[in-house]
Amino acid sequence: MIVRILTARVPNRHAADFEKVLRTQLPLMREHEGLVYVKLARQSHRSYDDVILFEEWRDAQSLYAWAGTNITRPRLLPGAEGLAESVAVTHFEALDVDPDAVFATPTPSAANSRRTAAN
């Protein structure tokens, strides 16, 4: 699994519009094959909001299908990026799941072969 985190600093004068655009984007993301989880959150400050979009993707293929070939660029609906002072995207490998447990689905004959080899 791959965790993708978009962070943005948005001036107060644009915060409501930026967050509205991202809320509009959430249903589109949830329909995308391979998205496991998405969460939009903010931390309000006196003159700006820090906004995060936390995404968890099943695999690299799903992430690239959503984000395109340059995964360091944010994928936002038109107009969103211009409302923010800064936008950054980072990626992490999820360590809380065993990839083999999630993705490996051995055929019955392969599982039997492993049991036989272990005995």
C-alpha atoms as a PDB file:
ATOM      1  CA  MET A   1       0.000   0.000   0.000  1.00  0.00           C
ATOM      2  CA  ILE A   2       1.114   3.528  -0.728  1.00  0.00           C
ATOM      3  CA  VAL A   3       0.203   6.570   1.327  1.00  0.00           C
ATOM      4  CA  ARG A   4       0.054   9.854  -0.579  1.00  0.00           C
ATOM      5  CA  ILE A   5      -0.183  13.050   1.434  1.00  0.00           C
ATOM      6  CA  LEU A   6      -0.980  16.385  -0.122  1.00  0.00           C
ATOM      7  CA  THR A   7      -0.342  19.372   2.135  1.00  0.00           C
ATOM      8  CA  ALA A   8      -1.391  22.911   1.351  1.00  0.00           C
ATOM      9  CA  ARG A   9      -1.131  26.255   3.091  1.00  0.00           C
ATOM     10  CA  VAL A  10      -4.140  28.365   2.168  1.00  0.00           C
ATOM     11  CA  PRO A  11      -4.699  32.008   3.157  1.00  0.00           C
ATOM     12  CA  ASN A  12      -7.920  32.617   5.086  1.00  0.00           C
ATOM     13  CA  ARG A  13      -9.388  34.611   2.209  1.00  0.00           C
ATOM     14  CA  HIS A  14      -9.235  31.465   0.004  1.00  0.00           C
ATOM     15  CA  ALA A  15      -9.674  28.707   2.591  1.00  0.00           C
ATOM     16  CA  ALA A  16     -13.415  28.151   2.144  1.00  0.00           C
ATOM     17  CA  ASP A  17     -13.117  28.014  -1.665  1.00  0.00           C
ATOM     18  CA  PHE A  18     -10.109  25.678  -1.564  1.00  0.00           C
ATOM     19  CA  GLU A  19     -11.798  23.304   0.853  1.00  0.00           C
ATOM     20  CA  LYS A  20     -14.991  23.363  -1.215  1.00  0.00           C
ATOM     21  CA  VAL A  21     -13.044  22.320  -4.321  1.00  0.00           C
ATOM     22  CA  LEU A  22     -11.375  19.479  -2.435  1.00  0.00           C
ATOM     23  CA  ARG A  23     -14.710  18.315  -0.990  1.00  0.00           C
ATOM     24  CA  THR A  24     -16.017  18.228  -4.564  1.00  0.00           C
ATOM     25  CA  GLN A  25     -13.020  16.119  -5.572  1.00  0.00           C
ATOM     26  CA  LEU A  26     -13.531  13.479  -2.853  1.00  0.00           C
ATOM     27  CA  PRO A  27     -16.407  11.601  -4.552  1.00  0.00           C
ATOM     28  CA  LEU A  28     -14.390  11.473  -7.793  1.00  0.00           C
ATOM     29  CA  MET A  29     -11.462   9.983  -5.919  1.00  0.00           C
ATOM     30  CA  ARG A  30     -13.628   7.431  -4.114  1.00  0.00           C
ATOM     31  CA  GLU A  31     -14.843   6.108  -7.473  1.00  0.00           C
ATOM     32  CA  HIS A  32     -11.272   5.539  -8.653  1.00  0.00           C
ATOM     33  CA  GLU A  33     -10.086   1.921  -8.761  1.00  0.00           C
ATOM     34  CA  GLY A  34      -7.449   1.203  -6.133  1.00  0.00           C
ATOM     35  CA  LEU A  35      -8.195   3.974  -3.644  1.00  0.00           C
ATOM     36  CA  VAL A  36      -8.460   2.335  -0.239  1.00  0.00           C
ATOM     37  CA  TYR A  37      -8.940   5.410   1.962  1.00  0.00           C
ATOM     38  CA  VAL A  38      -9.075   9.190   1.699  1.00  0.00           C
ATOM     39  CA  LYS A  39      -9.376  11.852   4.391  1.00  0.00           C
ATOM     40  CA  LEU A  40      -9.510  15.639   4.063  1.00  0.00           C
ATOM     41  CA  ALA A  41      -8.536  17.633   7.157  1.00  0.00           C
ATOM     42  CA  ARG A  42      -7.488  21.122   8.121  1.00  0.00           C
ATOM     43  CA  GLN A  43      -5.777  22.981  10.918  1.00  0.00           C
ATOM     44  CA  SER A  44      -6.960  26.574  11.237  1.00  0.00           C
ATOM     45  CA  HIS A  45      -4.585  29.356  12.158  1.00  0.00           C
ATOM     46  CA  ARG A  46      -5.122  33.088  12.519  1.00  0.00           C
ATOM     47  CA  SER A  47      -4.309  33.982   8.899  1.00  0.00           C
ATOM     48  CA  TYR A  48      -4.241  30.648   7.054  1.00  0.00           C
ATOM     49  CA  ASP A  49      -5.358  27.013   7.058  1.00  0.00           C
ATOM     50  CA  ASP A  50      -3.044  24.054   6.710  1.00  0.00           C
ATOM     51  CA  VAL A  51      -4.939  21.439   4.705  1.00  0.00           C
ATOM     52  CA  ILE A  52      -4.043  17.791   4.220  1.00  0.00           C
ATOM     53  CA  LEU A  53      -5.454  15.249   1.834  1.00  0.00           C
ATOM     54  CA  PHE A  54      -4.454  11.798   3.081  1.00  0.00           C
ATOM     55  CA  GLU A  55      -4.808   9.054   0.473  1.00  0.00           C
ATOM     56  CA  GLU A  56      -4.084   5.340   0.730  1.00  0.00           C
ATOM     57  CA  TRP A  57      -3.646   3.443  -2.527  1.00  0.00           C
ATOM     58  CA  ARG A  58      -3.704  -0.321  -3.010  1.00  0.00           C
ATOM     59  CA  ASP A  59      -0.660  -0.330  -5.303  1.00  0.00           C
ATOM     60  CA  ALA A  60       1.592   1.790  -7.506  1.00  0.00           C
ATOM     61  CA  GLN A  61      -0.429   1.015 -10.624  1.00  0.00           C
ATOM     62  CA  SER A  62      -3.576   2.492  -9.031  1.00  0.00           C
ATOM     63  CA  LEU A  63      -1.693   5.555  -7.806  1.00  0.00           C
ATOM     64  CA  TYR A  64      -0.178   6.237 -11.239  1.00  0.00           C
ATOM     65  CA  ALA A  65      -3.570   5.733 -12.887  1.00  0.00           C
ATOM     66  CA  TRP A  66      -4.951   8.490 -10.644  1.00  0.00           C
ATOM     67  CA  ALA A  67      -1.999  10.884 -10.415  1.00  0.00           C
ATOM     68  CA  GLY A  68      -0.373  10.437 -13.820  1.00  0.00           C
ATOM     69  CA  THR A  69       3.286   9.838 -14.580  1.00  0.00           C
ATOM     70  CA  ASN A  70       4.556  12.698 -12.394  1.00  0.00           C
ATOM     71  CA  ILE A  71       3.234  11.656  -8.998  1.00  0.00           C
ATOM     72  CA  THR A  72       4.978  14.574  -7.284  1.00  0.00           C
ATOM     73  CA  ARG A  73       2.460  16.953  -8.858  1.00  0.00           C
ATOM     74  CA  PRO A  74      -0.863  17.378  -7.107  1.00  0.00           C
ATOM     75  CA  ARG A  75      -3.966  16.226  -8.901  1.00  0.00           C
ATOM     76  CA  LEU A  76      -6.526  18.863  -8.057  1.00  0.00           C
ATOM     77  CA  LEU A  77      -9.621  20.128  -9.774  1.00  0.00           C
ATOM     78  CA  PRO A  78      -9.094  23.272 -11.860  1.00  0.00           C
ATOM     79  CA  GLY A  79      -8.633  26.420  -9.813  1.00  0.00           C
ATOM     80  CA  ALA A  80      -7.658  24.760  -6.535  1.00  0.00           C
ATOM     81  CA  GLU A  81      -3.891  25.085  -6.742  1.00  0.00           C
ATOM     82  CA  GLY A  82      -4.107  28.833  -7.459  1.00  0.00           C
ATOM     83  CA  LEU A  83      -5.923  29.376  -4.151  1.00  0.00           C
ATOM     84  CA  ALA A  84      -3.053  27.991  -2.068  1.00  0.00           C
ATOM     85  CA  GLU A  85       0.206  29.667  -1.089  1.00  0.00           C
ATOM     86  CA  SER A  86       1.952  26.308  -1.328  1.00  0.00           C
ATOM     87  CA  VAL A  87       1.083  22.721  -2.206  1.00  0.00           C
ATOM     88  CA  ALA A  88       3.319  19.693  -1.695  1.00  0.00           C
ATOM     89  CA  VAL A  89       2.869  15.973  -2.279  1.00  0.00           C
ATOM     90  CA  THR A  90       4.784  13.219  -0.493  1.00  0.00           C
ATOM     91  CA  HIS A  91       4.548   9.439  -0.633  1.00  0.00           C
ATOM     92  CA  PHE A  92       5.171   6.714   1.927  1.00  0.00           C
ATOM     93  CA  GLU A  93       5.127   2.943   1.924  1.00  0.00           C
ATOM     94  CA  ALA A  94       2.526   1.681   4.392  1.00  0.00           C
ATOM     95  CA  LEU A  95       4.124  -0.588   6.989  1.00  0.00           C
ATOM     96  CA  ASP A  96       1.009  -1.599   8.923  1.00  0.00           C
ATOM     97  CA  VAL A  97       0.033  -4.315   6.461  1.00  0.00           C
ATOM     98  CA  ASP A  98       1.895  -7.274   5.033  1.00  0.00           C
ATOM     99  CA  PRO A  99       1.820  -6.809   1.240  1.00  0.00           C
ATOM    100  CA  ASP A 100       1.846 -10.570   0.714  1.00  0.00           C
ATOM    101  CA  ALA A 101      -1.197 -10.958   2.937  1.00  0.00           C
ATOM    102  CA  VAL A 102      -3.052  -8.312   0.940  1.00  0.00           C
ATOM    103  CA  PHE A 103      -1.954  -9.169  -2.594  1.00  0.00           C
ATOM    104  CA  ALA A 104      -0.756 -12.755  -2.662  1.00  0.00           C
ATOM    105  CA  THR A 105      -3.568 -15.161  -3.382  1.00  0.00           C
ATOM    106  CA  PRO A 106      -1.947 -18.522  -4.009  1.00  0.00           C
ATOM    107  CA  THR A 107      -3.822 -21.075  -5.998  1.00  0.00           C
ATOM    108  CA  PRO A 108      -4.821 -24.219  -4.059  1.00  0.00           C
ATOM    109  CA  SER A 109      -2.096 -26.239  -5.824  1.00  0.00           C
ATOM    110  CA  ALA A 110       0.588 -23.678  -4.862  1.00  0.00           C
ATOM    111  CA  ALA A 111      -0.580 -23.711  -1.240  1.00  0.00           C
ATOM    112  CA  ASN A 112      -0.472 -27.535  -1.224  1.00  0.00           C
ATOM    113  CA  SER A 113       3.044 -27.473  -2.714  1.00  0.00           C
ATOM    114  CA  ARG A 114       4.236 -25.192   0.075  1.00  0.00           C
ATOM    115  CA  ARG A 115       2.679 -27.403   2.753  1.00  0.00           C
ATOM    116  CA  THR A 116       4.311 -30.490   1.198  1.00  0.00           C
ATOM    117  CA  ALA A 117       7.704 -28.761   0.985  1.00  0.00           C
ATOM    118  CA  ALA A 118       7.466 -27.646   4.611  1.00  0.00           C
ATOM    119  CA  ASN A 119       6.797 -31.198   5.836  1.00  0.00           C
END
